[in-house]
């Protein structure tokens, strides 16, 4: 990673999957300690894995902190470079690892990129998408904004959800040829949309039509 010209290596998709792995490990260890469900051998192994992974996780944190201040514009594609996906997973790590600096940078960049987005047309899917640019942005903002800010933002961003619009977000993508590696990405799109709908629906008020639509969609 320290070789010349490696600063953009796996930016940011590979970075955040590594950070997500580190976050899951930290969370599992914390949860098990809280419930006192780990035997000594397993706890020791978790601690070793956490320590072993920490330098690599920190290397990607440093890359993120270097990259975000100069990332003027988001990448809104439905594939690997999607900025909202990267921020969402990195934010999980920042919270679990109590990395306040990373969390603040992520929140600031998410606000800069997405806070003023309104009436999203959801021109998707693309032919090789495995992420929904629309729902991934919403899921990113759900994570970084407090609830009293997120719900009004969602009202502006997707004002017609109660009418199941944009319809594309509620229509499963068709995978015409699973032997085609790019077209088969669309299976991933259906899965990642379900993941986003589940999380988004859970924060909408009970009895809200949008919550019912989200639950039905996932």
N, C-alpha and C. Protein backbone atom coordinates (compact mmCIF):
# COMPACT_ATOMS: atom_id res chain seq x y z
N UNK A 1 0.81 -1.21 0.00
CA UNK A 1 0.00 0.00 0.00
C UNK A 1 0.85 1.26 0.00
N UNK A 2 2.07 1.18 0.47
CA UNK A 2 2.93 2.36 0.54
C UNK A 2 3.74 2.58 -0.73
N UNK A 3 3.57 1.69 -1.71
CA UNK A 3 4.27 1.88 -2.98
C UNK A 3 3.71 3.10 -3.71
N UNK A 4 4.50 3.69 -4.60
CA UNK A 4 4.02 4.85 -5.35
C UNK A 4 2.76 4.52 -6.16
N UNK A 5 1.89 5.52 -6.28
CA UNK A 5 0.69 5.42 -7.11
C UNK A 5 -0.34 4.42 -6.60
N UNK A 6 -0.26 4.07 -5.32
CA UNK A 6 -1.25 3.17 -4.74
C UNK A 6 -2.35 3.91 -3.98
N UNK A 7 -2.31 5.23 -4.01
CA UNK A 7 -3.28 5.99 -3.23
C UNK A 7 -4.72 5.81 -3.67
N UNK A 8 -4.92 5.44 -4.95
CA UNK A 8 -6.28 5.25 -5.44
C UNK A 8 -6.66 3.78 -5.52
N UNK A 9 -5.79 2.90 -5.07
CA UNK A 9 -6.05 1.46 -5.14
C UNK A 9 -7.32 1.11 -4.37
N UNK A 10 -8.30 0.52 -5.08
CA UNK A 10 -9.57 0.07 -4.48
C UNK A 10 -10.34 1.21 -3.81
N UNK A 11 -10.20 2.42 -4.32
CA UNK A 11 -10.93 3.56 -3.76
C UNK A 11 -12.34 3.61 -4.31
N UNK A 12 -13.37 3.63 -3.49
CA UNK A 12 -13.33 3.40 -2.04
C UNK A 12 -13.94 2.05 -1.69
N UNK A 13 -14.34 1.29 -2.71
CA UNK A 13 -15.08 0.05 -2.49
C UNK A 13 -14.28 -0.94 -1.65
N UNK A 14 -13.05 -1.20 -2.05
CA UNK A 14 -12.21 -2.13 -1.29
C UNK A 14 -11.86 -1.59 0.09
N UNK A 15 -11.64 -0.29 0.17
CA UNK A 15 -11.34 0.31 1.46
C UNK A 15 -12.44 0.00 2.47
N UNK A 16 -13.70 0.25 2.06
CA UNK A 16 -14.78 0.19 3.04
C UNK A 16 -15.18 -1.24 3.38
N UNK A 17 -14.96 -2.19 2.45
CA UNK A 17 -15.22 -3.57 2.84
C UNK A 17 -14.22 -4.03 3.89
N UNK A 18 -12.99 -3.57 3.79
CA UNK A 18 -12.02 -3.90 4.84
C UNK A 18 -12.44 -3.25 6.16
N UNK A 19 -12.86 -1.99 6.09
CA UNK A 19 -13.31 -1.31 7.30
C UNK A 19 -14.57 -1.96 7.87
N UNK A 20 -15.45 -2.45 6.98
CA UNK A 20 -16.65 -3.13 7.46
C UNK A 20 -16.28 -4.43 8.17
N UNK A 21 -15.31 -5.16 7.65
CA UNK A 21 -14.84 -6.37 8.32
C UNK A 21 -14.29 -6.02 9.70
N UNK A 22 -13.49 -4.96 9.76
CA UNK A 22 -12.94 -4.54 11.06
C UNK A 22 -14.05 -4.12 12.01
N UNK A 23 -15.07 -3.44 11.48
CA UNK A 23 -16.19 -3.00 12.32
C UNK A 23 -16.98 -4.19 12.85
N UNK A 24 -17.24 -5.17 11.99
CA UNK A 24 -17.99 -6.35 12.43
C UNK A 24 -17.24 -7.09 13.53
N UNK A 25 -15.93 -7.17 13.40
CA UNK A 25 -15.13 -7.84 14.42
C UNK A 25 -15.20 -7.10 15.75
N UNK A 26 -15.04 -5.78 15.69
CA UNK A 26 -15.12 -4.98 16.92
C UNK A 26 -16.51 -5.08 17.55
N UNK A 27 -17.55 -5.05 16.71
CA UNK A 27 -18.91 -5.10 17.23
C UNK A 27 -19.20 -6.45 17.87
N UNK A 28 -18.78 -7.53 17.20
CA UNK A 28 -19.02 -8.87 17.75
C UNK A 28 -18.31 -9.03 19.10
N UNK A 29 -17.10 -8.53 19.17
CA UNK A 29 -16.35 -8.63 20.41
C UNK A 29 -17.02 -7.82 21.52
N UNK A 30 -17.46 -6.61 21.19
CA UNK A 30 -18.13 -5.77 22.19
C UNK A 30 -19.45 -6.38 22.64
N UNK A 31 -20.24 -6.89 21.68
CA UNK A 31 -21.52 -7.50 22.03
C UNK A 31 -21.34 -8.72 22.93
N UNK A 32 -20.35 -9.55 22.58
CA UNK A 32 -20.12 -10.76 23.36
C UNK A 32 -19.67 -10.43 24.78
N UNK A 33 -18.80 -9.42 24.91
CA UNK A 33 -18.37 -9.02 26.25
C UNK A 33 -19.54 -8.48 27.06
N UNK A 34 -20.41 -7.72 26.39
CA UNK A 34 -21.55 -7.13 27.09
C UNK A 34 -22.48 -8.21 27.61
N UNK A 35 -22.66 -9.26 26.81
CA UNK A 35 -23.56 -10.34 27.23
C UNK A 35 -22.84 -11.45 27.99
N UNK A 36 -21.51 -11.32 28.07
CA UNK A 36 -20.69 -12.31 28.76
C UNK A 36 -20.92 -13.71 28.18
N UNK A 37 -20.88 -13.78 26.82
CA UNK A 37 -21.14 -15.06 26.16
C UNK A 37 -19.89 -15.67 25.54
N UNK A 38 -18.75 -15.00 25.66
CA UNK A 38 -17.52 -15.52 25.06
C UNK A 38 -16.72 -16.33 26.07
N UNK A 39 -16.28 -17.51 25.65
CA UNK A 39 -15.31 -18.22 26.48
C UNK A 39 -13.95 -17.55 26.30
N UNK A 40 -13.04 -17.87 27.19
CA UNK A 40 -11.75 -17.17 27.21
C UNK A 40 -10.97 -17.39 25.91
N UNK A 41 -11.02 -18.59 25.36
CA UNK A 41 -10.27 -18.88 24.14
C UNK A 41 -10.79 -18.06 22.97
N UNK A 42 -12.10 -18.00 22.83
CA UNK A 42 -12.69 -17.24 21.72
C UNK A 42 -12.44 -15.74 21.90
N UNK A 43 -12.58 -15.27 23.11
CA UNK A 43 -12.33 -13.85 23.37
C UNK A 43 -10.90 -13.48 23.03
N UNK A 44 -9.97 -14.35 23.38
CA UNK A 44 -8.57 -14.10 23.08
C UNK A 44 -8.33 -14.08 21.57
N UNK A 45 -8.99 -14.99 20.86
CA UNK A 45 -8.84 -15.03 19.40
C UNK A 45 -9.39 -13.76 18.77
N UNK A 46 -10.59 -13.33 19.22
CA UNK A 46 -11.17 -12.10 18.69
C UNK A 46 -10.24 -10.92 18.92
N UNK A 47 -9.68 -10.86 20.10
CA UNK A 47 -8.78 -9.75 20.43
C UNK A 47 -7.54 -9.77 19.54
N UNK A 48 -7.00 -10.97 19.26
CA UNK A 48 -5.83 -11.07 18.37
C UNK A 48 -6.19 -10.63 16.96
N UNK A 49 -7.35 -11.08 16.48
CA UNK A 49 -7.76 -10.70 15.12
C UNK A 49 -7.98 -9.19 15.02
N UNK A 50 -8.58 -8.63 16.04
CA UNK A 50 -8.81 -7.19 16.06
C UNK A 50 -7.48 -6.44 16.01
N UNK A 51 -6.53 -6.88 16.81
CA UNK A 51 -5.22 -6.23 16.83
C UNK A 51 -4.48 -6.41 15.52
N UNK A 52 -4.61 -7.59 14.92
CA UNK A 52 -3.90 -7.87 13.67
C UNK A 52 -4.46 -7.03 12.52
N UNK A 53 -5.76 -6.81 12.53
CA UNK A 53 -6.39 -6.08 11.44
C UNK A 53 -6.25 -4.57 11.60
N UNK A 54 -6.02 -4.11 12.81
CA UNK A 54 -6.03 -2.68 13.09
C UNK A 54 -5.08 -1.87 12.19
N UNK A 55 -3.82 -2.28 11.98
CA UNK A 55 -2.94 -1.46 11.12
C UNK A 55 -3.47 -1.30 9.70
N UNK A 56 -4.06 -2.36 9.14
CA UNK A 56 -4.61 -2.26 7.79
C UNK A 56 -5.83 -1.35 7.78
N UNK A 57 -6.68 -1.48 8.78
CA UNK A 57 -7.84 -0.60 8.88
C UNK A 57 -7.39 0.86 8.98
N UNK A 58 -6.37 1.11 9.78
CA UNK A 58 -5.88 2.48 9.93
C UNK A 58 -5.30 3.01 8.63
N UNK A 59 -4.69 2.14 7.84
CA UNK A 59 -4.15 2.59 6.55
C UNK A 59 -5.26 3.11 5.65
N UNK A 60 -6.41 2.45 5.69
CA UNK A 60 -7.52 2.91 4.86
C UNK A 60 -8.23 4.11 5.47
N UNK A 61 -8.23 4.22 6.79
CA UNK A 61 -8.75 5.43 7.43
C UNK A 61 -7.93 6.64 6.98
N UNK A 62 -6.62 6.50 6.99
CA UNK A 62 -5.75 7.59 6.56
C UNK A 62 -6.03 7.95 5.11
N UNK A 63 -6.23 6.94 4.26
CA UNK A 63 -6.56 7.22 2.86
C UNK A 63 -7.87 7.98 2.74
N UNK A 64 -8.87 7.58 3.54
CA UNK A 64 -10.15 8.27 3.49
C UNK A 64 -10.00 9.72 3.94
N UNK A 65 -9.26 9.94 5.00
CA UNK A 65 -9.08 11.30 5.51
C UNK A 65 -8.28 12.17 4.54
N UNK A 66 -7.47 11.53 3.71
CA UNK A 66 -6.74 12.26 2.67
C UNK A 66 -7.63 12.54 1.47
N UNK A 67 -8.48 11.59 1.15
CA UNK A 67 -9.31 11.68 -0.05
C UNK A 67 -10.51 12.61 0.12
N UNK A 68 -11.22 12.52 1.24
CA UNK A 68 -12.48 13.24 1.38
C UNK A 68 -12.36 14.76 1.23
N UNK A 69 -11.33 15.40 1.80
CA UNK A 69 -11.26 16.85 1.65
C UNK A 69 -11.13 17.32 0.20
N UNK A 70 -10.60 16.47 -0.68
CA UNK A 70 -10.42 16.90 -2.07
C UNK A 70 -11.47 16.30 -3.01
N UNK A 71 -12.40 15.51 -2.48
CA UNK A 71 -13.44 14.90 -3.31
C UNK A 71 -14.58 15.90 -3.45
N UNK A 72 -14.49 16.77 -4.44
CA UNK A 72 -15.45 17.85 -4.60
C UNK A 72 -16.84 17.32 -4.95
N UNK A 73 -16.89 16.27 -5.77
CA UNK A 73 -18.16 15.77 -6.27
C UNK A 73 -18.34 14.30 -5.92
N UNK A 74 -19.58 13.87 -5.67
CA UNK A 74 -19.81 12.45 -5.41
C UNK A 74 -19.83 11.65 -6.70
N UNK A 75 -19.60 10.36 -6.58
CA UNK A 75 -19.75 9.42 -7.69
C UNK A 75 -21.07 8.70 -7.48
N UNK A 76 -21.99 8.83 -8.41
CA UNK A 76 -23.36 8.38 -8.22
C UNK A 76 -23.69 7.11 -9.00
N UNK A 77 -22.71 6.44 -9.51
CA UNK A 77 -22.93 5.22 -10.25
C UNK A 77 -23.49 4.12 -9.36
N UNK A 78 -24.05 3.08 -9.99
CA UNK A 78 -24.57 1.95 -9.22
C UNK A 78 -23.59 0.81 -9.09
N UNK A 79 -22.30 1.11 -9.28
CA UNK A 79 -21.28 0.07 -9.18
C UNK A 79 -20.23 0.47 -8.14
N UNK A 80 -19.06 -0.14 -8.21
CA UNK A 80 -18.05 -0.07 -7.16
C UNK A 80 -17.71 1.34 -6.64
N UNK A 81 -17.59 2.36 -7.47
CA UNK A 81 -17.13 3.65 -6.93
C UNK A 81 -18.18 4.45 -6.19
N UNK A 82 -19.41 3.95 -6.07
CA UNK A 82 -20.51 4.73 -5.49
C UNK A 82 -20.10 5.37 -4.16
N UNK A 83 -20.17 6.68 -4.13
CA UNK A 83 -19.70 7.42 -2.96
C UNK A 83 -20.55 7.19 -1.72
N UNK A 84 -21.87 7.12 -1.90
CA UNK A 84 -22.76 6.95 -0.75
C UNK A 84 -22.52 5.60 -0.07
N UNK A 85 -22.31 4.56 -0.87
CA UNK A 85 -22.02 3.25 -0.30
C UNK A 85 -20.74 3.30 0.52
N UNK A 86 -19.72 3.93 -0.03
CA UNK A 86 -18.46 4.04 0.70
C UNK A 86 -18.61 4.78 2.02
N UNK A 87 -19.32 5.90 1.99
CA UNK A 87 -19.51 6.66 3.22
C UNK A 87 -20.29 5.87 4.26
N UNK A 88 -21.32 5.16 3.81
CA UNK A 88 -22.17 4.42 4.76
C UNK A 88 -21.38 3.37 5.51
N UNK A 89 -20.59 2.57 4.79
CA UNK A 89 -19.84 1.52 5.46
C UNK A 89 -18.70 2.08 6.31
N UNK A 90 -18.06 3.11 5.80
CA UNK A 90 -16.98 3.72 6.59
C UNK A 90 -17.52 4.38 7.85
N UNK A 91 -18.75 4.89 7.78
CA UNK A 91 -19.36 5.51 8.96
C UNK A 91 -19.63 4.47 10.04
N UNK A 92 -20.01 3.27 9.62
CA UNK A 92 -20.17 2.18 10.59
C UNK A 92 -18.87 1.95 11.36
N UNK A 93 -17.77 1.88 10.61
CA UNK A 93 -16.48 1.66 11.26
C UNK A 93 -16.14 2.82 12.20
N UNK A 94 -16.34 4.04 11.72
CA UNK A 94 -15.99 5.20 12.53
C UNK A 94 -16.74 5.19 13.86
N UNK A 95 -18.01 4.81 13.83
CA UNK A 95 -18.80 4.78 15.06
C UNK A 95 -18.34 3.67 15.99
N UNK A 96 -18.16 2.48 15.45
CA UNK A 96 -17.78 1.35 16.30
C UNK A 96 -16.37 1.50 16.84
N UNK A 97 -15.48 2.07 16.03
CA UNK A 97 -14.09 2.27 16.46
C UNK A 97 -13.91 3.58 17.21
N UNK A 98 -14.97 4.35 17.39
CA UNK A 98 -14.95 5.66 18.04
C UNK A 98 -13.90 6.56 17.40
N UNK A 99 -13.89 6.57 16.07
CA UNK A 99 -12.99 7.44 15.32
C UNK A 99 -13.76 8.72 14.99
N UNK A 100 -13.69 9.67 15.89
CA UNK A 100 -14.50 10.88 15.79
C UNK A 100 -14.12 11.69 14.55
N UNK A 101 -12.82 11.77 14.25
CA UNK A 101 -12.38 12.54 13.10
C UNK A 101 -12.96 11.99 11.80
N UNK A 102 -12.89 10.67 11.63
CA UNK A 102 -13.44 10.05 10.43
C UNK A 102 -14.94 10.26 10.35
N UNK A 103 -15.65 10.07 11.46
CA UNK A 103 -17.10 10.26 11.47
C UNK A 103 -17.47 11.68 11.09
N UNK A 104 -16.74 12.66 11.59
CA UNK A 104 -17.04 14.06 11.28
C UNK A 104 -16.79 14.37 9.81
N UNK A 105 -15.70 13.84 9.27
CA UNK A 105 -15.41 14.07 7.85
C UNK A 105 -16.50 13.45 6.97
N UNK A 106 -16.92 12.24 7.34
CA UNK A 106 -17.95 11.56 6.55
C UNK A 106 -19.26 12.33 6.61
N UNK A 107 -19.67 12.74 7.79
CA UNK A 107 -20.91 13.50 7.92
C UNK A 107 -20.84 14.80 7.12
N UNK A 108 -19.71 15.48 7.21
CA UNK A 108 -19.56 16.74 6.50
C UNK A 108 -19.63 16.56 4.99
N UNK A 109 -18.98 15.51 4.50
CA UNK A 109 -18.99 15.28 3.05
C UNK A 109 -20.37 14.83 2.60
N UNK A 110 -21.05 14.00 3.38
CA UNK A 110 -22.40 13.57 3.02
C UNK A 110 -23.34 14.77 2.95
N UNK A 111 -23.23 15.66 3.90
CA UNK A 111 -24.06 16.86 3.87
C UNK A 111 -23.75 17.72 2.65
N UNK A 112 -22.46 17.89 2.37
CA UNK A 112 -22.05 18.70 1.22
C UNK A 112 -22.56 18.12 -0.09
N UNK A 113 -22.45 16.79 -0.22
CA UNK A 113 -22.83 16.14 -1.48
C UNK A 113 -24.34 15.99 -1.65
N UNK A 114 -25.05 15.65 -0.57
CA UNK A 114 -26.41 15.14 -0.73
C UNK A 114 -27.52 15.95 -0.06
N UNK A 115 -27.18 16.85 0.85
CA UNK A 115 -28.21 17.48 1.67
C UNK A 115 -29.22 18.26 0.83
N UNK A 116 -28.78 18.85 -0.27
CA UNK A 116 -29.67 19.69 -1.07
C UNK A 116 -30.31 18.96 -2.24
N UNK A 117 -30.15 17.64 -2.30
CA UNK A 117 -30.78 16.86 -3.37
C UNK A 117 -32.29 16.79 -3.13
N UNK A 118 -33.07 17.07 -4.16
CA UNK A 118 -34.53 17.05 -4.04
C UNK A 118 -35.14 16.33 -5.24
N UNK A 119 -36.31 15.70 -5.00
CA UNK A 119 -37.13 15.11 -6.06
C UNK A 119 -36.30 14.22 -6.99
N UNK A 120 -35.66 13.23 -6.42
CA UNK A 120 -34.78 12.36 -7.20
C UNK A 120 -35.61 11.56 -8.22
N UNK A 121 -35.21 11.58 -9.51
CA UNK A 121 -35.99 10.88 -10.53
C UNK A 121 -35.74 9.38 -10.57
N UNK A 122 -34.67 8.91 -9.91
CA UNK A 122 -34.34 7.48 -9.89
C UNK A 122 -34.25 6.90 -11.30
N UNK A 123 -33.35 7.46 -12.09
CA UNK A 123 -33.12 6.92 -13.43
C UNK A 123 -32.23 5.69 -13.30
N UNK A 124 -32.83 4.60 -12.95
CA UNK A 124 -32.13 3.35 -12.74
C UNK A 124 -33.10 2.21 -12.99
N UNK A 125 -32.59 0.99 -13.16
CA UNK A 125 -31.18 0.60 -13.05
C UNK A 125 -30.41 0.78 -14.36
N UNK A 126 -29.09 0.86 -14.19
CA UNK A 126 -28.19 0.71 -15.31
C UNK A 126 -27.97 -0.78 -15.58
N UNK A 127 -27.40 -1.09 -16.71
CA UNK A 127 -27.29 -2.47 -17.13
C UNK A 127 -26.38 -3.34 -16.32
N UNK A 128 -25.50 -2.74 -15.50
CA UNK A 128 -24.60 -3.55 -14.68
C UNK A 128 -24.60 -3.11 -13.22
N UNK A 129 -25.66 -2.43 -12.80
CA UNK A 129 -25.74 -1.94 -11.41
C UNK A 129 -25.86 -3.10 -10.42
N UNK A 130 -25.21 -2.96 -9.29
CA UNK A 130 -25.50 -3.83 -8.15
C UNK A 130 -25.82 -3.01 -6.91
N UNK A 131 -25.83 -1.69 -7.06
CA UNK A 131 -26.29 -0.78 -6.02
C UNK A 131 -27.31 0.17 -6.63
N UNK A 132 -28.29 0.58 -5.85
CA UNK A 132 -29.24 1.60 -6.27
C UNK A 132 -28.67 2.96 -5.90
N UNK A 133 -28.29 3.79 -6.86
CA UNK A 133 -27.78 5.11 -6.50
C UNK A 133 -28.74 5.89 -5.62
N UNK A 134 -30.04 5.77 -5.89
CA UNK A 134 -31.05 6.51 -5.14
C UNK A 134 -31.17 6.01 -3.70
N UNK A 135 -31.42 4.71 -3.56
CA UNK A 135 -31.63 4.16 -2.22
C UNK A 135 -30.34 4.17 -1.41
N UNK A 136 -29.19 4.02 -2.08
CA UNK A 136 -27.94 4.05 -1.34
C UNK A 136 -27.67 5.43 -0.78
N UNK A 137 -28.02 6.46 -1.52
CA UNK A 137 -27.89 7.81 -0.99
C UNK A 137 -28.80 8.01 0.22
N UNK A 138 -30.04 7.52 0.10
CA UNK A 138 -30.96 7.64 1.23
C UNK A 138 -30.45 6.87 2.44
N UNK A 139 -29.91 5.69 2.22
CA UNK A 139 -29.40 4.89 3.33
C UNK A 139 -28.18 5.54 3.96
N UNK A 140 -27.33 6.16 3.16
CA UNK A 140 -26.19 6.90 3.70
C UNK A 140 -26.67 8.04 4.60
N UNK A 141 -27.65 8.80 4.11
CA UNK A 141 -28.13 9.93 4.90
C UNK A 141 -28.87 9.47 6.15
N UNK A 142 -29.54 8.32 6.08
CA UNK A 142 -30.17 7.78 7.28
C UNK A 142 -29.14 7.55 8.38
N UNK A 143 -27.95 7.13 7.99
CA UNK A 143 -26.92 6.83 8.98
C UNK A 143 -26.29 8.09 9.54
N UNK A 144 -26.05 9.09 8.70
CA UNK A 144 -25.25 10.23 9.17
C UNK A 144 -26.11 11.36 9.75
N UNK A 145 -27.39 11.41 9.40
CA UNK A 145 -28.24 12.49 9.92
C UNK A 145 -29.03 12.02 11.13
N UNK A 146 -29.23 12.89 12.12
CA UNK A 146 -30.17 12.55 13.20
C UNK A 146 -31.58 12.45 12.63
N UNK A 147 -32.45 11.70 13.30
CA UNK A 147 -33.78 11.42 12.78
C UNK A 147 -34.57 12.69 12.47
N UNK A 148 -34.42 13.71 13.30
CA UNK A 148 -35.21 14.93 13.08
C UNK A 148 -34.77 15.67 11.83
N UNK A 149 -33.57 15.38 11.33
CA UNK A 149 -33.13 15.94 10.06
C UNK A 149 -33.37 14.98 8.90
N UNK A 150 -33.23 13.68 9.17
CA UNK A 150 -33.34 12.72 8.07
C UNK A 150 -34.73 12.65 7.48
N UNK A 151 -35.76 12.60 8.32
CA UNK A 151 -37.12 12.43 7.80
C UNK A 151 -37.55 13.61 6.92
N UNK A 152 -37.29 14.86 7.30
CA UNK A 152 -37.59 15.97 6.38
C UNK A 152 -36.75 15.91 5.10
N UNK A 153 -35.50 15.46 5.23
CA UNK A 153 -34.67 15.31 4.02
C UNK A 153 -35.28 14.28 3.08
N UNK A 154 -35.72 13.14 3.63
CA UNK A 154 -36.33 12.11 2.79
C UNK A 154 -37.59 12.62 2.12
N UNK A 155 -38.37 13.45 2.83
CA UNK A 155 -39.57 14.05 2.25
C UNK A 155 -39.22 14.85 1.00
N UNK A 156 -38.09 15.54 1.04
CA UNK A 156 -37.68 16.35 -0.10
C UNK A 156 -37.05 15.50 -1.20
N UNK A 157 -36.27 14.52 -0.80
CA UNK A 157 -35.51 13.72 -1.75
C UNK A 157 -36.41 12.80 -2.56
N UNK A 158 -37.35 12.15 -1.87
CA UNK A 158 -38.29 11.24 -2.53
C UNK A 158 -39.70 11.60 -2.08
N UNK A 159 -40.24 12.68 -2.62
CA UNK A 159 -41.51 13.21 -2.11
C UNK A 159 -42.74 12.36 -2.45
N UNK A 160 -42.60 11.40 -3.35
CA UNK A 160 -43.77 10.64 -3.80
C UNK A 160 -43.72 9.16 -3.40
N UNK A 161 -42.97 8.85 -2.38
CA UNK A 161 -42.86 7.45 -1.97
C UNK A 161 -44.20 6.87 -1.53
N UNK A 162 -45.05 7.68 -0.95
CA UNK A 162 -46.35 7.17 -0.50
C UNK A 162 -47.20 6.67 -1.67
N UNK A 163 -46.88 7.16 -2.88
CA UNK A 163 -47.57 6.70 -4.09
C UNK A 163 -46.74 5.66 -4.85
N UNK A 164 -45.74 5.11 -4.18
CA UNK A 164 -44.84 4.12 -4.80
C UNK A 164 -44.14 4.68 -6.04
N UNK A 165 -43.73 5.91 -5.93
CA UNK A 165 -42.97 6.56 -6.99
C UNK A 165 -41.67 7.10 -6.42
N UNK A 166 -40.59 7.01 -7.17
CA UNK A 166 -40.42 6.48 -8.53
C UNK A 166 -40.66 4.96 -8.59
N UNK A 167 -41.41 4.52 -9.56
CA UNK A 167 -41.79 3.12 -9.67
C UNK A 167 -40.60 2.20 -9.84
N UNK A 168 -39.52 2.70 -10.45
CA UNK A 168 -38.34 1.87 -10.69
C UNK A 168 -37.79 1.29 -9.38
N UNK A 169 -37.94 2.02 -8.29
CA UNK A 169 -37.38 1.57 -7.02
C UNK A 169 -38.15 0.40 -6.43
N UNK A 170 -39.37 0.20 -6.90
CA UNK A 170 -40.22 -0.88 -6.38
C UNK A 170 -40.33 -2.04 -7.37
N UNK A 171 -39.61 -1.95 -8.49
CA UNK A 171 -39.69 -2.97 -9.53
C UNK A 171 -38.41 -3.77 -9.57
N UNK A 172 -38.47 -5.07 -9.26
CA UNK A 172 -37.25 -5.88 -9.30
C UNK A 172 -36.58 -5.84 -10.67
N UNK A 173 -35.28 -5.74 -10.67
CA UNK A 173 -34.53 -5.73 -11.93
C UNK A 173 -34.58 -7.11 -12.57
N UNK A 174 -34.65 -7.14 -13.88
CA UNK A 174 -34.69 -8.38 -14.65
C UNK A 174 -33.27 -8.81 -15.00
N UNK A 175 -32.94 -10.04 -14.68
CA UNK A 175 -31.61 -10.58 -15.01
C UNK A 175 -31.81 -11.55 -16.17
N UNK A 176 -31.43 -11.11 -17.34
CA UNK A 176 -31.72 -11.89 -18.56
C UNK A 176 -30.72 -13.01 -18.80
N UNK A 177 -29.50 -12.88 -18.24
CA UNK A 177 -28.46 -13.88 -18.54
C UNK A 177 -27.48 -13.93 -17.37
N UNK A 178 -27.63 -14.92 -16.51
CA UNK A 178 -26.75 -15.01 -15.34
C UNK A 178 -25.36 -15.52 -15.70
N UNK A 179 -25.16 -15.95 -16.92
CA UNK A 179 -23.82 -16.33 -17.36
C UNK A 179 -23.00 -15.10 -17.76
N UNK A 180 -23.65 -13.96 -17.87
CA UNK A 180 -22.98 -12.71 -18.20
C UNK A 180 -22.64 -12.00 -16.90
N UNK A 181 -21.36 -11.86 -16.63
CA UNK A 181 -20.92 -11.33 -15.33
C UNK A 181 -21.41 -9.93 -15.04
N UNK A 182 -21.59 -9.09 -16.06
CA UNK A 182 -22.08 -7.73 -15.84
C UNK A 182 -23.59 -7.71 -15.61
N UNK A 183 -24.32 -8.44 -16.47
CA UNK A 183 -25.77 -8.47 -16.31
C UNK A 183 -26.15 -9.12 -14.97
N UNK A 184 -25.37 -10.11 -14.55
CA UNK A 184 -25.66 -10.79 -13.28
C UNK A 184 -25.51 -9.86 -12.08
N UNK A 185 -24.84 -8.72 -12.26
CA UNK A 185 -24.80 -7.71 -11.19
C UNK A 185 -26.20 -7.34 -10.72
N UNK A 186 -27.18 -7.42 -11.61
CA UNK A 186 -28.53 -6.99 -11.26
C UNK A 186 -29.15 -7.85 -10.16
N UNK A 187 -28.69 -9.09 -10.00
CA UNK A 187 -29.11 -9.86 -8.82
C UNK A 187 -28.68 -9.13 -7.56
N UNK A 188 -27.47 -8.61 -7.59
CA UNK A 188 -26.97 -7.85 -6.45
C UNK A 188 -27.76 -6.58 -6.22
N UNK A 189 -28.22 -5.96 -7.31
CA UNK A 189 -29.04 -4.76 -7.17
C UNK A 189 -30.32 -5.08 -6.40
N UNK A 190 -30.97 -6.18 -6.76
CA UNK A 190 -32.20 -6.55 -6.04
C UNK A 190 -31.93 -6.80 -4.56
N UNK A 191 -30.81 -7.45 -4.27
CA UNK A 191 -30.47 -7.73 -2.88
C UNK A 191 -30.14 -6.44 -2.12
N UNK A 192 -29.36 -5.56 -2.74
CA UNK A 192 -28.96 -4.34 -2.03
C UNK A 192 -30.14 -3.39 -1.89
N UNK A 193 -31.07 -3.39 -2.85
CA UNK A 193 -32.28 -2.60 -2.68
C UNK A 193 -33.08 -3.10 -1.47
N UNK A 194 -33.20 -4.42 -1.36
CA UNK A 194 -33.92 -4.98 -0.21
C UNK A 194 -33.26 -4.56 1.10
N UNK A 195 -31.94 -4.58 1.13
CA UNK A 195 -31.18 -4.16 2.32
C UNK A 195 -31.50 -2.71 2.67
N UNK A 196 -31.52 -1.84 1.65
CA UNK A 196 -31.82 -0.43 1.90
C UNK A 196 -33.27 -0.23 2.33
N UNK A 197 -34.21 -0.89 1.66
CA UNK A 197 -35.62 -0.73 2.02
C UNK A 197 -35.88 -1.17 3.46
N UNK A 198 -35.24 -2.26 3.86
CA UNK A 198 -35.45 -2.75 5.23
C UNK A 198 -35.01 -1.70 6.25
N UNK A 199 -33.84 -1.11 6.03
CA UNK A 199 -33.33 -0.12 6.97
C UNK A 199 -34.13 1.18 6.93
N UNK A 200 -34.48 1.62 5.73
CA UNK A 200 -35.24 2.86 5.59
C UNK A 200 -36.64 2.72 6.18
N UNK A 201 -37.28 1.58 5.90
CA UNK A 201 -38.62 1.37 6.42
C UNK A 201 -38.67 1.39 7.94
N UNK A 202 -37.62 0.90 8.56
CA UNK A 202 -37.61 0.78 10.02
C UNK A 202 -37.62 2.13 10.73
N UNK A 203 -37.20 3.20 10.05
CA UNK A 203 -37.16 4.50 10.72
C UNK A 203 -38.37 5.36 10.38
N UNK A 204 -39.23 4.87 9.48
CA UNK A 204 -40.45 5.62 9.15
C UNK A 204 -41.53 5.33 10.21
N UNK A 205 -42.42 6.27 10.46
CA UNK A 205 -43.42 6.10 11.52
C UNK A 205 -44.36 4.94 11.23
N UNK A 206 -44.81 4.29 12.28
CA UNK A 206 -45.82 3.24 12.14
C UNK A 206 -47.08 3.86 11.54
N UNK A 207 -47.71 3.13 10.61
CA UNK A 207 -48.89 3.63 9.95
C UNK A 207 -48.61 4.49 8.74
N UNK A 208 -47.35 4.86 8.54
CA UNK A 208 -46.94 5.64 7.37
C UNK A 208 -46.98 4.73 6.14
N UNK A 209 -47.67 5.14 5.08
CA UNK A 209 -47.76 4.33 3.88
C UNK A 209 -46.38 4.00 3.32
N UNK A 210 -45.44 4.93 3.49
CA UNK A 210 -44.09 4.70 2.98
C UNK A 210 -43.43 3.52 3.70
N UNK A 211 -43.70 3.39 4.98
CA UNK A 211 -43.16 2.26 5.73
C UNK A 211 -43.75 0.94 5.19
N UNK A 212 -45.04 0.94 4.95
CA UNK A 212 -45.67 -0.26 4.42
C UNK A 212 -45.10 -0.62 3.05
N UNK A 213 -44.89 0.38 2.20
CA UNK A 213 -44.33 0.13 0.87
C UNK A 213 -42.89 -0.40 0.97
N UNK A 214 -42.13 0.18 1.90
CA UNK A 214 -40.74 -0.24 2.07
C UNK A 214 -40.68 -1.69 2.54
N UNK A 215 -41.54 -2.04 3.51
CA UNK A 215 -41.55 -3.41 4.02
C UNK A 215 -41.98 -4.40 2.94
N UNK A 216 -42.98 -4.02 2.15
CA UNK A 216 -43.40 -4.89 1.05
C UNK A 216 -42.30 -5.04 0.02
N UNK A 217 -41.58 -3.95 -0.24
CA UNK A 217 -40.54 -3.99 -1.26
C UNK A 217 -39.40 -4.91 -0.85
N UNK A 218 -38.92 -4.82 0.38
CA UNK A 218 -37.81 -5.69 0.75
C UNK A 218 -38.28 -7.11 0.94
